[in-house]
Amino acid sequence: MDLDSEEHIRLFIDAFYIKVLKDTILRPIFIEGAGIDIQEHKATIVSYWKKLLLGDKTYKRHTMNIHRAVHSQMPFTDEAFERWLSLFIETAKNEYRGPYSDRAIVVASTIAKNMKTALL
């Protein structure tokens, strides 16, 4: 299965966030720092990845500003960025195959690098 449809992206995000919410480094950032409703957040993230991978135009938020606000409440660390990317790649490589999945890994790596550079 590849990340070539909304359904597959949604399944990926569900599997990825199961890992994120079990992680002792990432869970506090998402739950306490960001104070998010995880179901609402997952829907937003699906929309974001649909934009990045499928060219969908419905996602309109400014991702960096959102992360700056969270960072001001609970500062991100190198370890958090590395863990996020590690879990993302693990989920993508273990459960998905194909050009969209490969692209998702490249894009996630770039996102992590850019966020880390901008915030730390």
PDB file of N, CA and C in Angstrom:
ATOM      1  N   MET A   1       0.854  -1.170   0.000  1.00  0.00           N
ATOM      2  CA  MET A   1       0.000   0.000   0.000  1.00  0.00           C
ATOM      3  C   MET A   1       0.900   1.233   0.000  1.00  0.00           C
ATOM      4  N   ASP A   2       0.524   2.242  -0.758  1.00  0.00           N
ATOM      5  CA  ASP A   2       1.264   3.494  -0.851  1.00  0.00           C
ATOM      6  C   ASP A   2       0.403   4.617  -0.254  1.00  0.00           C
ATOM      7  N   LEU A   3       1.001   5.766  -0.044  1.00  0.00           N
ATOM      8  CA  LEU A   3       0.272   6.927   0.486  1.00  0.00           C
ATOM      9  C   LEU A   3      -0.306   7.734  -0.671  1.00  0.00           C
ATOM     10  N   ASP A   4      -1.078   7.074  -1.490  1.00  0.00           N
ATOM     11  CA  ASP A   4      -1.571   7.635  -2.742  1.00  0.00           C
ATOM     12  C   ASP A   4      -3.050   7.998  -2.729  1.00  0.00           C
ATOM     13  N   SER A   5      -3.655   7.997  -1.542  1.00  0.00           N
ATOM     14  CA  SER A   5      -5.071   8.366  -1.432  1.00  0.00           C
ATOM     15  C   SER A   5      -5.338   8.900  -0.027  1.00  0.00           C
ATOM     16  N   GLU A   6      -6.454   9.599   0.107  1.00  0.00           N
ATOM     17  CA  GLU A   6      -6.829  10.113   1.425  1.00  0.00           C
ATOM     18  C   GLU A   6      -6.987   8.970   2.427  1.00  0.00           C
ATOM     19  N   GLU A   7      -7.592   7.890   2.012  1.00  0.00           N
ATOM     20  CA  GLU A   7      -7.788   6.748   2.912  1.00  0.00           C
ATOM     21  C   GLU A   7      -6.453   6.199   3.418  1.00  0.00           C
ATOM     22  N   HIS A   8      -5.488   6.040   2.517  1.00  0.00           N
ATOM     23  CA  HIS A   8      -4.187   5.503   2.926  1.00  0.00           C
ATOM     24  C   HIS A   8      -3.430   6.488   3.822  1.00  0.00           C
ATOM     25  N   ILE A   9      -3.554   7.762   3.518  1.00  0.00           N
ATOM     26  CA  ILE A   9      -2.923   8.783   4.374  1.00  0.00           C
ATOM     27  C   ILE A   9      -3.553   8.747   5.757  1.00  0.00           C
ATOM     28  N   ARG A  10      -4.860   8.619   5.825  1.00  0.00           N
ATOM     29  CA  ARG A  10      -5.556   8.558   7.116  1.00  0.00           C
ATOM     30  C   ARG A  10      -5.097   7.333   7.924  1.00  0.00           C
ATOM     31  N   LEU A  11      -4.979   6.195   7.281  1.00  0.00           N
ATOM     32  CA  LEU A  11      -4.513   4.991   7.974  1.00  0.00           C
ATOM     33  C   LEU A  11      -3.078   5.179   8.481  1.00  0.00           C
ATOM     34  N   PHE A  12      -2.243   5.809   7.661  1.00  0.00           N
ATOM     35  CA  PHE A  12      -0.870   6.095   8.068  1.00  0.00           C
ATOM     36  C   PHE A  12      -0.842   7.007   9.298  1.00  0.00           C
ATOM     37  N   ILE A  13      -1.612   8.094   9.244  1.00  0.00           N
ATOM     38  CA  ILE A  13      -1.634   9.051  10.358  1.00  0.00           C
ATOM     39  C   ILE A  13      -2.147   8.368  11.621  1.00  0.00           C
ATOM     40  N   ASP A  14      -3.150   7.528  11.514  1.00  0.00           N
ATOM     41  CA  ASP A  14      -3.643   6.785  12.680  1.00  0.00           C
ATOM     42  C   ASP A  14      -2.536   5.911  13.277  1.00  0.00           C
ATOM     43  N   ALA A  15      -1.823   5.178  12.426  1.00  0.00           N
ATOM     44  CA  ALA A  15      -0.746   4.301  12.911  1.00  0.00           C
ATOM     45  C   ALA A  15       0.403   5.115  13.503  1.00  0.00           C
ATOM     46  N   PHE A  16       0.749   6.209  12.861  1.00  0.00           N
ATOM     47  CA  PHE A  16       1.833   7.068  13.335  1.00  0.00           C
ATOM     48  C   PHE A  16       1.496   7.671  14.697  1.00  0.00           C
ATOM     49  N   TYR A  17       0.280   8.179  14.857  1.00  0.00           N
ATOM     50  CA  TYR A  17      -0.084   8.829  16.121  1.00  0.00           C
ATOM     51  C   TYR A  17      -0.278   7.847  17.265  1.00  0.00           C
ATOM     52  N   ILE A  18      -0.552   6.605  16.979  1.00  0.00           N
ATOM     53  CA  ILE A  18      -0.542   5.600  18.046  1.00  0.00           C
ATOM     54  C   ILE A  18       0.857   5.560  18.661  1.00  0.00           C
ATOM     55  N   LYS A  19       1.866   5.576  17.811  1.00  0.00           N
ATOM     56  CA  LYS A  19       3.259   5.554  18.284  1.00  0.00           C
ATOM     57  C   LYS A  19       3.617   6.865  18.991  1.00  0.00           C
ATOM     58  N   VAL A  20       3.230   7.985  18.415  1.00  0.00           N
ATOM     59  CA  VAL A  20       3.527   9.295  19.008  1.00  0.00           C
ATOM     60  C   VAL A  20       2.937   9.396  20.408  1.00  0.00           C
ATOM     61  N   LEU A  21       1.705   8.959  20.571  1.00  0.00           N
ATOM     62  CA  LEU A  21       1.032   9.113  21.868  1.00  0.00           C
ATOM     63  C   LEU A  21       1.508   8.109  22.911  1.00  0.00           C
ATOM     64  N   LYS A  22       2.232   7.078  22.492  1.00  0.00           N
ATOM     65  CA  LYS A  22       2.849   6.150  23.442  1.00  0.00           C
ATOM     66  C   LYS A  22       4.257   6.605  23.830  1.00  0.00           C
ATOM     67  N   ASP A  23       4.791   7.558  23.089  1.00  0.00           N
ATOM     68  CA  ASP A  23       6.174   7.982  23.277  1.00  0.00           C
ATOM     69  C   ASP A  23       6.299   8.967  24.444  1.00  0.00           C
ATOM     70  N   THR A  24       7.227   8.705  25.330  1.00  0.00           N
ATOM     71  CA  THR A  24       7.374   9.537  26.533  1.00  0.00           C
ATOM     72  C   THR A  24       7.924  10.931  26.229  1.00  0.00           C
ATOM     73  N   ILE A  25       8.597  11.102  25.124  1.00  0.00           N
ATOM     74  CA  ILE A  25       9.101  12.425  24.747  1.00  0.00           C
ATOM     75  C   ILE A  25       8.044  13.226  24.000  1.00  0.00           C
ATOM     76  N   LEU A  26       7.346  12.604  23.072  1.00  0.00           N
ATOM     77  CA  LEU A  26       6.413  13.318  22.204  1.00  0.00           C
ATOM     78  C   LEU A  26       5.030  13.527  22.813  1.00  0.00           C
ATOM     79  N   ARG A  27       4.541  12.566  23.551  1.00  0.00           N
ATOM     80  CA  ARG A  27       3.186  12.701  24.105  1.00  0.00           C
ATOM     81  C   ARG A  27       2.992  13.999  24.879  1.00  0.00           C
ATOM     82  N   PRO A  28       3.890  14.368  25.784  1.00  0.00           N
ATOM     83  CA  PRO A  28       3.673  15.627  26.515  1.00  0.00           C
ATOM     84  C   PRO A  28       3.623  16.861  25.603  1.00  0.00           C
ATOM     85  N   ILE A  29       4.382  16.856  24.537  1.00  0.00           N
ATOM     86  CA  ILE A  29       4.366  18.000  23.615  1.00  0.00           C
ATOM     87  C   ILE A  29       2.997  18.129  22.965  1.00  0.00           C
ATOM     88  N   PHE A  30       2.440  17.020  22.520  1.00  0.00           N
ATOM     89  CA  PHE A  30       1.154  17.054  21.844  1.00  0.00           C
ATOM     90  C   PHE A  30      -0.008  17.277  22.804  1.00  0.00           C
ATOM     91  N   ILE A  31       0.022  16.632  23.945  1.00  0.00           N
ATOM     92  CA  ILE A  31      -1.113  16.689  24.861  1.00  0.00           C
ATOM     93  C   ILE A  31      -1.044  17.890  25.795  1.00  0.00           C
ATOM     94  N   GLU A  32       0.107  18.089  26.430  1.00  0.00           N
ATOM     95  CA  GLU A  32       0.229  19.193  27.385  1.00  0.00           C
ATOM     96  C   GLU A  32       0.662  20.496  26.713  1.00  0.00           C
ATOM     97  N   GLY A  33       1.693  20.437  25.896  1.00  0.00           N
ATOM     98  CA  GLY A  33       2.207  21.646  25.257  1.00  0.00           C
ATOM     99  C   GLY A  33       1.242  22.243  24.259  1.00  0.00           C
ATOM    100  N   ALA A  34       0.749  21.419  23.347  1.00  0.00           N
ATOM    101  CA  ALA A  34      -0.158  21.894  22.309  1.00  0.00           C
ATOM    102  C   ALA A  34      -1.617  21.880  22.783  1.00  0.00           C
ATOM    103  N   GLY A  35      -1.907  21.039  23.755  1.00  0.00           N
ATOM    104  CA  GLY A  35      -3.273  20.942  24.267  1.00  0.00           C
ATOM    105  C   GLY A  35      -4.281  20.599  23.184  1.00  0.00           C
ATOM    106  N   ILE A  36      -3.912  19.684  22.304  1.00  0.00           N
ATOM    107  CA  ILE A  36      -4.766  19.383  21.159  1.00  0.00           C
ATOM    108  C   ILE A  36      -5.802  18.307  21.464  1.00  0.00           C
ATOM    109  N   ASP A  37      -6.872  18.362  20.720  1.00  0.00           N
ATOM    110  CA  ASP A  37      -7.823  17.260  20.635  1.00  0.00           C
ATOM    111  C   ASP A  37      -7.260  16.352  19.546  1.00  0.00           C
ATOM    112  N   ILE A  38      -6.842  15.168  19.920  1.00  0.00           N
ATOM    113  CA  ILE A  38      -6.093  14.316  19.000  1.00  0.00           C
ATOM    114  C   ILE A  38      -6.901  13.951  17.751  1.00  0.00           C
ATOM    115  N   GLN A  39      -8.191  13.742  17.868  1.00  0.00           N
ATOM    116  CA  GLN A  39      -8.991  13.399  16.685  1.00  0.00           C
ATOM    117  C   GLN A  39      -9.070  14.578  15.715  1.00  0.00           C
ATOM    118  N   GLU A  40      -9.251  15.768  16.266  1.00  0.00           N
ATOM    119  CA  GLU A  40      -9.278  16.967  15.429  1.00  0.00           C
ATOM    120  C   GLU A  40      -7.899  17.191  14.793  1.00  0.00           C
ATOM    121  N   HIS A  41      -6.867  16.986  15.578  1.00  0.00           N
ATOM    122  CA  HIS A  41      -5.505  17.166  15.074  1.00  0.00           C
ATOM    123  C   HIS A  41      -5.205  16.179  13.944  1.00  0.00           C
ATOM    124  N   LYS A  42      -5.602  14.940  14.109  1.00  0.00           N
ATOM    125  CA  LYS A  42      -5.339  13.950  13.062  1.00  0.00           C
ATOM    126  C   LYS A  42      -6.041  14.337  11.762  1.00  0.00           C
ATOM    127  N   ALA A  43      -7.255  14.859  11.857  1.00  0.00           N
ATOM    128  CA  ALA A  43      -7.965  15.298  10.645  1.00  0.00           C
ATOM    129  C   ALA A  43      -7.200  16.435   9.963  1.00  0.00           C
ATOM    130  N   THR A  44      -6.666  17.342  10.747  1.00  0.00           N
ATOM    131  CA  THR A  44      -5.874  18.445  10.204  1.00  0.00           C
ATOM    132  C   THR A  44      -4.605  17.927   9.537  1.00  0.00           C
ATOM    133  N   ILE A  45      -3.947  16.959  10.179  1.00  0.00           N
ATOM    134  CA  ILE A  45      -2.710  16.411   9.646  1.00  0.00           C
ATOM    135  C   ILE A  45      -2.969  15.616   8.360  1.00  0.00           C
ATOM    136  N   VAL A  46      -4.077  14.914   8.297  1.00  0.00           N
ATOM    137  CA  VAL A  46      -4.446  14.228   7.046  1.00  0.00           C
ATOM    138  C   VAL A  46      -4.582  15.258   5.929  1.00  0.00           C
ATOM    139  N   SER A  47      -5.250  16.362   6.209  1.00  0.00           N
ATOM    140  CA  SER A  47      -5.410  17.419   5.220  1.00  0.00           C
ATOM    141  C   SER A  47      -4.058  17.982   4.790  1.00  0.00           C
ATOM    142  N   TYR A  48      -3.166  18.165   5.750  1.00  0.00           N
ATOM    143  CA  TYR A  48      -1.820  18.676   5.466  1.00  0.00           C
ATOM    144  C   TYR A  48      -1.058  17.726   4.538  1.00  0.00           C
ATOM    145  N   TRP A  49      -1.088  16.430   4.826  1.00  0.00           N
ATOM    146  CA  TRP A  49      -0.365  15.465   3.999  1.00  0.00           C
ATOM    147  C   TRP A  49      -1.043  15.257   2.650  1.00  0.00           C
ATOM    148  N   LYS A  50      -2.351  15.430   2.576  1.00  0.00           N
ATOM    149  CA  LYS A  50      -3.027  15.405   1.273  1.00  0.00           C
ATOM    150  C   LYS A  50      -2.510  16.541   0.405  1.00  0.00           C
ATOM    151  N   LYS A  51      -2.290  17.698   1.013  1.00  0.00           N
ATOM    152  CA  LYS A  51      -1.730  18.830   0.286  1.00  0.00           C
ATOM    153  C   LYS A  51      -0.322  18.499  -0.214  1.00  0.00           C
ATOM    154  N   LEU A  52       0.519  17.995   0.692  1.00  0.00           N
ATOM    155  CA  LEU A  52       1.915  17.752   0.348  1.00  0.00           C
ATOM    156  C   LEU A  52       2.102  16.619  -0.658  1.00  0.00           C
ATOM    157  N   LEU A  53       1.312  15.569  -0.529  1.00  0.00           N
ATOM    158  CA  LEU A  53       1.507  14.391  -1.373  1.00  0.00           C
ATOM    159  C   LEU A  53       0.596  14.338  -2.597  1.00  0.00           C
ATOM    160  N   LEU A  54      -0.616  14.844  -2.449  1.00  0.00           N
ATOM    161  CA  LEU A  54      -1.597  14.691  -3.528  1.00  0.00           C
ATOM    162  C   LEU A  54      -1.953  16.009  -4.209  1.00  0.00           C
ATOM    163  N   GLY A  55      -1.427  17.128  -3.678  1.00  0.00           N
ATOM    164  CA  GLY A  55      -1.717  18.423  -4.269  1.00  0.00           C
ATOM    165  C   GLY A  55      -3.078  18.994  -3.897  1.00  0.00           C
ATOM    166  N   ASP A  56      -3.734  18.425  -2.893  1.00  0.00           N
ATOM    167  CA  ASP A  56      -5.032  18.908  -2.441  1.00  0.00           C
ATOM    168  C   ASP A  56      -4.887  20.343  -1.917  1.00  0.00           C
ATOM    169  N   LYS A  57      -5.863  21.190  -2.163  1.00  0.00           N
ATOM    170  CA  LYS A  57      -5.770  22.612  -1.817  1.00  0.00           C
ATOM    171  C   LYS A  57      -6.561  23.020  -0.568  1.00  0.00           C
ATOM    172  N   THR A  58      -7.083  22.063   0.209  1.00  0.00           N
ATOM    173  CA  THR A  58      -7.949  22.445   1.325  1.00  0.00           C
ATOM    174  C   THR A  58      -7.190  22.896   2.572  1.00  0.00           C
ATOM    175  N   TYR A  59      -5.943  22.483   2.744  1.00  0.00           N
ATOM    176  CA  TYR A  59      -5.166  22.887   3.922  1.00  0.00           C
ATOM    177  C   TYR A  59      -4.668  24.307   3.709  1.00  0.00           C
ATOM    178  N   LYS A  60      -4.993  25.216   4.648  1.00  0.00           N
ATOM    179  CA  LYS A  60      -4.644  26.627   4.485  1.00  0.00           C
ATOM    180  C   LYS A  60      -3.897  27.212   5.688  1.00  0.00           C
ATOM    181  N   ARG A  61      -3.556  26.412   6.663  1.00  0.00           N
ATOM    182  CA  ARG A  61      -2.935  26.935   7.877  1.00  0.00           C
ATOM    183  C   ARG A  61      -1.448  27.196   7.671  1.00  0.00           C
ATOM    184  N   HIS A  62      -0.873  28.044   8.543  1.00  0.00           N
ATOM    185  CA  HIS A  62       0.556  28.343   8.495  1.00  0.00           C
ATOM    186  C   HIS A  62       1.250  27.472   9.543  1.00  0.00           C
ATOM    187  N   THR A  63       1.863  26.414   9.077  1.00  0.00           N
ATOM    188  CA  THR A  63       2.418  25.387   9.953  1.00  0.00           C
ATOM    189  C   THR A  63       3.494  25.919  10.898  1.00  0.00           C
ATOM    190  N   MET A  64       4.386  26.749  10.409  1.00  0.00           N
ATOM    191  CA  MET A  64       5.479  27.235  11.255  1.00  0.00           C
ATOM    192  C   MET A  64       4.945  28.072  12.420  1.00  0.00           C
ATOM    193  N   ASN A  65       3.991  28.945  12.158  1.00  0.00           N
ATOM    194  CA  ASN A  65       3.434  29.767  13.243  1.00  0.00           C
ATOM    195  C   ASN A  65       2.767  28.912  14.319  1.00  0.00           C
ATOM    196  N   ILE A  66       2.103  27.865  13.899  1.00  0.00           N
ATOM    197  CA  ILE A  66       1.453  26.965  14.855  1.00  0.00           C
ATOM    198  C   ILE A  66       2.512  26.319  15.742  1.00  0.00           C
ATOM    199  N   HIS A  67       3.598  25.874  15.155  1.00  0.00           N
ATOM    200  CA  HIS A  67       4.653  25.227  15.931  1.00  0.00           C
ATOM    201  C   HIS A  67       5.428  26.213  16.799  1.00  0.00           C
ATOM    202  N   ARG A  68       5.555  27.448  16.344  1.00  0.00           N
ATOM    203  CA  ARG A  68       6.174  28.479  17.190  1.00  0.00           C
ATOM    204  C   ARG A  68       5.356  28.675  18.468  1.00  0.00           C
ATOM    205  N   ALA A  69       4.039  28.704  18.331  1.00  0.00           N
ATOM    206  CA  ALA A  69       3.165  28.890  19.495  1.00  0.00           C
ATOM    207  C   ALA A  69       3.316  27.731  20.481  1.00  0.00           C
ATOM    208  N   VAL A  70       3.368  26.519  19.985  1.00  0.00           N
ATOM    209  CA  VAL A  70       3.556  25.350  20.861  1.00  0.00           C
ATOM    210  C   VAL A  70       4.935  25.407  21.509  1.00  0.00           C
ATOM    211  N   HIS A  71       5.931  25.746  20.728  1.00  0.00           N
ATOM    212  CA  HIS A  71       7.315  25.832  21.226  1.00  0.00           C
ATOM    213  C   HIS A  71       7.416  26.854  22.370  1.00  0.00           C
ATOM    214  N   SER A  72       6.638  27.926  22.302  1.00  0.00           N
ATOM    215  CA  SER A  72       6.669  28.932  23.373  1.00  0.00           C
ATOM    216  C   SER A  72       6.057  28.395  24.665  1.00  0.00           C
ATOM    217  N   GLN A  73       5.169  27.404  24.568  1.00  0.00           N
ATOM    218  CA  GLN A  73       4.547  26.792  25.744  1.00  0.00           C
ATOM    219  C   GLN A  73       5.379  25.650  26.313  1.00  0.00           C
ATOM    220  N   MET A  74       5.949  24.860  25.421  1.00  0.00           N
ATOM    221  CA  MET A  74       6.764  23.708  25.804  1.00  0.00           C
ATOM    222  C   MET A  74       7.854  23.556  24.750  1.00  0.00           C
ATOM    223  N   PRO A  75       9.031  24.080  25.030  1.00  0.00           N
ATOM    224  CA  PRO A  75      10.093  24.095  24.021  1.00  0.00           C
ATOM    225  C   PRO A  75      10.428  22.709  23.469  1.00  0.00           C
ATOM    226  N   PHE A  76      10.548  22.656  22.150  1.00  0.00           N
ATOM    227  CA  PHE A  76      10.980  21.443  21.481  1.00  0.00           C
ATOM    228  C   PHE A  76      12.467  21.226  21.738  1.00  0.00           C
ATOM    229  N   THR A  77      12.905  20.001  21.557  1.00  0.00           N
ATOM    230  CA  THR A  77      14.314  19.654  21.734  1.00  0.00           C
ATOM    231  C   THR A  77      14.802  18.906  20.504  1.00  0.00           C
ATOM    232  N   ASP A  78      16.135  18.827  20.377  1.00  0.00           N
ATOM    233  CA  ASP A  78      16.699  18.000  19.300  1.00  0.00           C
ATOM    234  C   ASP A  78      16.139  16.588  19.376  1.00  0.00           C
ATOM    235  N   GLU A  79      16.077  16.064  20.587  1.00  0.00           N
ATOM    236  CA  GLU A  79      15.604  14.694  20.795  1.00  0.00           C
ATOM    237  C   GLU A  79      14.159  14.522  20.310  1.00  0.00           C
ATOM    238  N   ALA A  80      13.320  15.527  20.540  1.00  0.00           N
ATOM    239  CA  ALA A  80      11.925  15.442  20.102  1.00  0.00           C
ATOM    240  C   ALA A  80      11.831  15.410  18.580  1.00  0.00           C
ATOM    241  N   PHE A  81      12.612  16.260  17.910  1.00  0.00           N
ATOM    242  CA  PHE A  81      12.605  16.246  16.446  1.00  0.00           C
ATOM    243  C   PHE A  81      13.095  14.914  15.905  1.00  0.00           C
ATOM    244  N   GLU A  82      14.154  14.403  16.487  1.00  0.00           N
ATOM    245  CA  GLU A  82      14.701  13.123  16.043  1.00  0.00           C
ATOM    246  C   GLU A  82      13.710  11.983  16.270  1.00  0.00           C
ATOM    247  N   ARG A  83      13.040  12.002  17.408  1.00  0.00           N
ATOM    248  CA  ARG A  83      12.067  10.951  17.716  1.00  0.00           C
ATOM    249  C   ARG A  83      10.888  11.021  16.760  1.00  0.00           C
ATOM    250  N   TRP A  84      10.370  12.242  16.528  1.00  0.00           N
ATOM    251  CA  TRP A  84       9.240  12.414  15.611  1.00  0.00           C
ATOM    252  C   TRP A  84       9.594  11.849  14.238  1.00  0.00           C
ATOM    253  N   LEU A  85      10.761  12.229  13.730  1.00  0.00           N
ATOM    254  CA  LEU A  85      11.170  11.768  12.411  1.00  0.00           C
ATOM    255  C   LEU A  85      11.408  10.264  12.397  1.00  0.00           C
ATOM    256  N   SER A  86      12.004   9.741  13.431  1.00  0.00           N
ATOM    257  CA  SER A  86      12.255   8.307  13.522  1.00  0.00           C
ATOM    258  C   SER A  86      10.951   7.510  13.489  1.00  0.00           C
ATOM    259  N   LEU A  87       9.963   7.941  14.241  1.00  0.00           N
ATOM    260  CA  LEU A  87       8.668   7.249  14.257  1.00  0.00           C
ATOM    261  C   LEU A  87       7.950   7.384  12.918  1.00  0.00           C
ATOM    262  N   PHE A  88       8.081   8.544  12.296  1.00  0.00           N
ATOM    263  CA  PHE A  88       7.467   8.751  10.992  1.00  0.00           C
ATOM    264  C   PHE A  88       8.069   7.785   9.965  1.00  0.00           C
ATOM    265  N   ILE A  89       9.398   7.757   9.911  1.00  0.00           N
ATOM    266  CA  ILE A  89      10.079   6.882   8.950  1.00  0.00           C
ATOM    267  C   ILE A  89       9.783   5.416   9.246  1.00  0.00           C
ATOM    268  N   GLU A  90       9.801   5.043  10.514  1.00  0.00           N
ATOM    269  CA  GLU A  90       9.493   3.658  10.895  1.00  0.00           C
ATOM    270  C   GLU A  90       8.106   3.263  10.410  1.00  0.00           C
ATOM    271  N   THR A  91       7.129   4.120  10.633  1.00  0.00           N
ATOM    272  CA  THR A  91       5.759   3.821  10.203  1.00  0.00           C
ATOM    273  C   THR A  91       5.676   3.726   8.686  1.00  0.00           C
ATOM    274  N   ALA A  92       6.311   4.658   8.009  1.00  0.00           N
ATOM    275  CA  ALA A  92       6.262   4.656   6.541  1.00  0.00           C
ATOM    276  C   ALA A  92       6.951   3.427   5.954  1.00  0.00           C
ATOM    277  N   LYS A  93       8.109   3.098   6.450  1.00  0.00           N
ATOM    278  CA  LYS A  93       8.871   1.978   5.875  1.00  0.00           C
ATOM    279  C   LYS A  93       8.301   0.614   6.246  1.00  0.00           C
ATOM    280  N   ASN A  94       7.737   0.497   7.437  1.00  0.00           N
ATOM    281  CA  ASN A  94       7.216  -0.795   7.877  1.00  0.00           C
ATOM    282  C   ASN A  94       5.862  -1.131   7.277  1.00  0.00           C
ATOM    283  N   GLU A  95       5.096  -0.126   6.919  1.00  0.00           N
ATOM    284  CA  GLU A  95       3.710  -0.386   6.534  1.00  0.00           C
ATOM    285  C   GLU A  95       3.347   0.081   5.131  1.00  0.00           C
ATOM    286  N   TYR A  96       4.236   0.822   4.466  1.00  0.00           N
ATOM    287  CA  TYR A  96       3.902   1.404   3.162  1.00  0.00           C
ATOM    288  C   TYR A  96       5.062   1.252   2.194  1.00  0.00           C
ATOM    289  N   ARG A  97       4.737   1.171   0.906  1.00  0.00           N
ATOM    290  CA  ARG A  97       5.737   1.049  -0.152  1.00  0.00           C
ATOM    291  C   ARG A  97       5.263   1.836  -1.362  1.00  0.00           C
ATOM    292  N   GLY A  98       6.187   2.487  -2.029  1.00  0.00           N
ATOM    293  CA  GLY A  98       5.858   3.168  -3.272  1.00  0.00           C
ATOM    294  C   GLY A  98       6.354   4.594  -3.303  1.00  0.00           C
ATOM    295  N   PRO A  99       6.162   5.258  -4.432  1.00  0.00           N
ATOM    296  CA  PRO A  99       6.701   6.603  -4.621  1.00  0.00           C
ATOM    297  C   PRO A  99       6.115   7.654  -3.681  1.00  0.00           C
ATOM    298  N   TYR A 100       4.850   7.534  -3.325  1.00  0.00           N
ATOM    299  CA  TYR A 100       4.254   8.509  -2.407  1.00  0.00           C
ATOM    300  C   TYR A 100       4.814   8.335  -0.994  1.00  0.00           C
ATOM    301  N   SER A 101       4.998   7.105  -0.594  1.00  0.00           N
ATOM    302  CA  SER A 101       5.592   6.831   0.720  1.00  0.00           C
ATOM    303  C   SER A 101       7.038   7.311   0.764  1.00  0.00           C
ATOM    304  N   ASP A 102       7.770   7.061  -0.305  1.00  0.00           N
ATOM    305  CA  ASP A 102       9.153   7.533  -0.385  1.00  0.00           C
ATOM    306  C   ASP A 102       9.191   9.060  -0.310  1.00  0.00           C
ATOM    307  N   ARG A 103       8.277   9.696  -1.028  1.00  0.00           N
ATOM    308  CA  ARG A 103       8.221  11.163  -1.001  1.00  0.00           C
ATOM    309  C   ARG A 103       7.857  11.663   0.393  1.00  0.00           C
ATOM    310  N   ALA A 104       6.955  10.997   1.072  1.00  0.00           N
ATOM    311  CA  ALA A 104       6.563  11.408   2.424  1.00  0.00           C
ATOM    312  C   ALA A 104       7.770  11.405   3.357  1.00  0.00           C
ATOM    313  N   ILE A 105       8.628  10.425   3.234  1.00  0.00           N
ATOM    314  CA  ILE A 105       9.828  10.346   4.076  1.00  0.00           C
ATOM    315  C   ILE A 105      10.759  11.526   3.783  1.00  0.00           C
ATOM    316  N   VAL A 106      10.949  11.830   2.523  1.00  0.00           N
ATOM    317  CA  VAL A 106      11.800  12.964   2.141  1.00  0.00           C
ATOM    318  C   VAL A 106      11.201  14.273   2.671  1.00  0.00           C
ATOM    319  N   VAL A 107       9.913  14.450   2.475  1.00  0.00           N
ATOM    320  CA  VAL A 107       9.244  15.674   2.922  1.00  0.00           C
ATOM    321  C   VAL A 107       9.301  15.781   4.447  1.00  0.00           C
ATOM    322  N   ALA A 108       9.027  14.698   5.155  1.00  0.00           N
ATOM    323  CA  ALA A 108       9.078  14.721   6.625  1.00  0.00           C
ATOM    324  C   ALA A 108      10.480  15.063   7.115  1.00  0.00           C
ATOM    325  N   SER A 109      11.491  14.546   6.457  1.00  0.00           N
ATOM    326  CA  SER A 109      12.874  14.854   6.825  1.00  0.00           C
ATOM    327  C   SER A 109      13.164  16.339   6.638  1.00  0.00           C
ATOM    328  N   THR A 110      12.680  16.901   5.559  1.00  0.00           N
ATOM    329  CA  THR A 110      12.860  18.334   5.295  1.00  0.00           C
ATOM    330  C   THR A 110      12.092  19.168   6.312  1.00  0.00           C
ATOM    331  N   ILE A 111      10.879  18.763   6.623  1.00  0.00           N
ATOM    332  CA  ILE A 111      10.075  19.480   7.615  1.00  0.00           C
ATOM    333  C   ILE A 111      10.789  19.489   8.964  1.00  0.00           C
ATOM    334  N   ALA A 112      11.245  18.333   9.401  1.00  0.00           N
ATOM    335  CA  ALA A 112      11.930  18.243  10.692  1.00  0.00           C
ATOM    336  C   ALA A 112      13.174  19.129  10.709  1.00  0.00           C
ATOM    337  N   LYS A 113      13.942  19.090   9.646  1.00  0.00           N
ATOM    338  CA  LYS A 113      15.160  19.903   9.567  1.00  0.00           C
ATOM    339  C   LYS A 113      14.815  21.395   9.606  1.00  0.00           C
ATOM    340  N   ASN A 114      13.842  21.804   8.814  1.00  0.00           N
ATOM    341  CA  ASN A 114      13.463  23.222   8.754  1.00  0.00           C
ATOM    342  C   ASN A 114      12.889  23.711  10.073  1.00  0.00           C
ATOM    343  N   MET A 115      12.036  22.911  10.699  1.00  0.00           N
ATOM    344  CA  MET A 115      11.451  23.304  11.992  1.00  0.00           C
ATOM    345  C   MET A 115      12.536  23.407  13.056  1.00  0.00           C
ATOM    346  N   LYS A 116      13.404  22.437  13.059  1.00  0.00           N
ATOM    347  CA  LYS A 116      14.496  22.422  14.029  1.00  0.00           C
ATOM    348  C   LYS A 116      15.369  23.670  13.858  1.00  0.00           C
ATOM    349  N   THR A 117      15.717  23.983  12.624  1.00  0.00           N
ATOM    350  CA  THR A 117      16.530  25.172  12.346  1.00  0.00           C
ATOM    351  C   THR A 117      15.813  26.451  12.773  1.00  0.00           C
ATOM    352  N   ALA A 118      14.533  26.535  12.509  1.00  0.00           N
ATOM    353  CA  ALA A 118      13.773  27.750  12.811  1.00  0.00           C
ATOM    354  C   ALA A 118      13.493  27.923  14.317  1.00  0.00           C
ATOM    355  N   LEU A 119      13.331  26.807  15.024  1.00  0.00           N
ATOM    356  CA  LEU A 119      12.879  26.899  16.409  1.00  0.00           C
ATOM    357  C   LEU A 119      13.966  26.735  17.464  1.00  0.00           C
ATOM    358  N   LEU A 120      15.041  26.035  17.122  1.00  0.00           N
ATOM    359  CA  LEU A 120      16.068  25.790  18.144  1.00  0.00           C
ATOM    360  C   LEU A 120      17.250  26.726  18.007  1.00  0.00           C
TER     361      LEU A 120
END
